[in-house]
Amino acid sequence: MHHCAICQASLEVARLTCPSCRVSLEGRFRLPRLARLSADEQRLAERVLLAGGNLKAVAQELGISYPTLRKRLDVLRRTLGELQQSDRDAEDALLKAVENDEIAAEEAARLIEELNGGA
């Protein structure tokens, strides 16, 4: 589930818990771009990667034509591009907030790292 069942807004992770020692961190954690794709988009990306990029094999596995697969991949690429641009815009906003002394540089650096898949 990626969207709220009530208002359809994107869901955010609010708690991370270590299964070993049970320590929990609470806050607002942004999911990596690939995790923000729909379940269908994630499955498609996984199939393409596991097939080593062999689109003909993926199309055959899915029982669809090669052109249909290409269209789905074009949508996936466009979606990832939009997510990437959204993250860049958020990064720019964080840098501007640092310039305006609205946020500490260390906090902005942590948030930017999180935007780029680190944490």
Protein backbone atom coordinates (compact mmCIF):
# COMPACT_ATOMS: atom_id res chain seq x y z
CA MET A 1 0.00 0.00 0.00
CA HIS A 2 1.46 3.30 -1.09
CA HIS A 3 -1.51 5.64 -0.73
CA CYS A 4 -3.92 6.51 2.05
CA ALA A 5 -7.17 4.57 1.78
CA ILE A 6 -9.08 7.70 2.84
CA CYS A 7 -7.57 10.63 0.89
CA GLN A 8 -5.15 8.91 -1.54
CA ALA A 9 -2.14 10.95 -0.34
CA SER A 10 1.24 9.18 -0.46
CA LEU A 11 2.01 7.31 2.74
CA GLU A 12 5.22 7.96 4.67
CA VAL A 13 7.18 5.70 6.98
CA ALA A 14 6.87 6.94 10.55
CA ARG A 15 8.70 4.27 12.57
CA LEU A 16 11.71 2.08 11.95
CA THR A 17 12.34 -0.84 14.30
CA CYS A 18 15.35 -3.14 14.60
CA PRO A 19 14.04 -6.72 14.72
CA SER A 20 17.10 -7.83 16.68
CA CYS A 21 17.30 -5.39 19.60
CA ARG A 22 13.81 -3.85 19.19
CA VAL A 23 15.14 -0.26 19.19
CA SER A 24 12.74 2.03 17.32
CA LEU A 25 13.24 5.36 15.59
CA GLU A 26 10.24 7.59 15.06
CA GLY A 27 10.03 10.43 12.60
CA ARG A 28 9.23 11.05 8.95
CA PHE A 29 11.24 8.83 6.65
CA ARG A 30 11.06 9.13 2.90
CA LEU A 31 10.99 5.90 0.96
CA PRO A 32 13.52 5.39 -1.85
CA ARG A 33 12.18 6.11 -5.33
CA LEU A 34 11.80 2.46 -6.32
CA ALA A 35 9.74 1.82 -3.18
CA ARG A 36 7.45 4.71 -4.16
CA LEU A 37 6.47 3.01 -7.41
CA SER A 38 3.16 1.19 -7.58
CA ALA A 39 3.24 -2.54 -6.83
CA ASP A 40 2.78 -3.30 -10.55
CA GLU A 41 5.64 -0.98 -11.50
CA GLN A 42 7.88 -2.57 -8.88
CA ARG A 43 7.10 -6.07 -10.19
CA LEU A 44 7.84 -4.97 -13.76
CA ALA A 45 11.17 -3.40 -12.78
CA GLU A 46 12.08 -6.54 -10.85
CA ARG A 47 11.26 -8.79 -13.82
CA VAL A 48 13.33 -6.68 -16.20
CA LEU A 49 16.29 -6.69 -13.81
CA LEU A 50 16.07 -10.43 -13.13
CA ALA A 51 15.86 -11.09 -16.87
CA GLY A 52 19.09 -9.15 -17.34
CA GLY A 53 17.29 -6.56 -19.44
CA ASN A 54 16.10 -9.15 -21.97
CA LEU A 55 12.82 -7.47 -22.89
CA LYS A 56 11.80 -10.16 -25.34
CA ALA A 57 11.98 -12.73 -22.52
CA VAL A 58 10.04 -10.45 -20.17
CA ALA A 59 7.30 -9.88 -22.75
CA GLN A 60 7.05 -13.61 -23.31
CA GLU A 61 6.93 -14.29 -19.55
CA LEU A 62 4.15 -11.73 -19.11
CA GLY A 63 2.26 -12.99 -22.16
CA ILE A 64 2.24 -9.56 -23.81
CA SER A 65 3.68 -8.19 -27.03
CA TYR A 66 7.05 -6.49 -27.12
CA PRO A 67 5.46 -3.10 -28.07
CA THR A 68 3.09 -3.38 -25.09
CA LEU A 69 6.04 -4.04 -22.80
CA ARG A 70 7.91 -1.05 -24.25
CA LYS A 71 4.88 1.18 -23.53
CA ARG A 72 4.76 -0.05 -19.93
CA LEU A 73 8.48 0.58 -19.56
CA ASP A 74 8.06 4.08 -21.01
CA VAL A 75 5.44 4.79 -18.32
CA LEU A 76 7.75 3.34 -15.66
CA ARG A 77 10.66 5.48 -16.88
CA ARG A 78 8.45 8.58 -16.92
CA THR A 79 7.23 7.85 -13.38
CA LEU A 80 10.78 7.39 -12.11
CA GLY A 81 11.79 10.63 -13.82
CA GLU A 82 8.97 12.48 -12.09
CA LEU A 83 9.96 11.02 -8.71
CA GLN A 84 13.59 11.98 -9.36
CA GLN A 85 12.57 15.55 -10.26
CA SER A 86 10.42 15.75 -7.14
CA ASP A 87 13.43 14.70 -5.05
CA ARG A 88 15.62 17.29 -6.80
CA ASP A 89 13.03 19.98 -6.06
CA ALA A 90 12.98 18.90 -2.41
CA GLU A 91 16.78 19.02 -2.35
CA ASP A 92 16.76 22.54 -3.80
CA ALA A 93 14.22 23.62 -1.18
CA LEU A 94 16.44 22.23 1.58
CA LEU A 95 19.47 24.09 0.23
CA LYS A 96 17.46 27.30 0.05
CA ALA A 97 16.32 26.74 3.65
CA VAL A 98 19.98 26.45 4.69
CA GLU A 99 20.79 29.70 2.86
CA ASN A 100 17.93 31.40 4.72
CA ASP A 101 19.05 29.97 8.09
CA GLU A 102 15.75 28.08 8.40
CA ILE A 103 17.47 24.70 8.88
CA ALA A 104 20.91 23.59 10.02
CA ALA A 105 23.29 22.47 7.27
CA GLU A 106 23.83 19.12 9.03
CA GLU A 107 20.09 18.41 9.11
CA ALA A 108 19.75 19.40 5.45
CA ALA A 109 22.68 17.12 4.54
CA ARG A 110 21.01 14.22 6.37
CA LEU A 111 17.71 14.83 4.60
CA ILE A 112 19.41 15.15 1.21
CA GLU A 113 21.23 11.86 1.81
CA GLU A 114 17.88 10.28 2.63
CA LEU A 115 16.39 11.68 -0.59
CA ASN A 116 19.19 10.05 -2.55
CA GLY A 117 18.68 6.60 -1.08
CA GLY A 118 20.97 6.82 1.92
CA ALA A 119 19.93 7.14 5.52
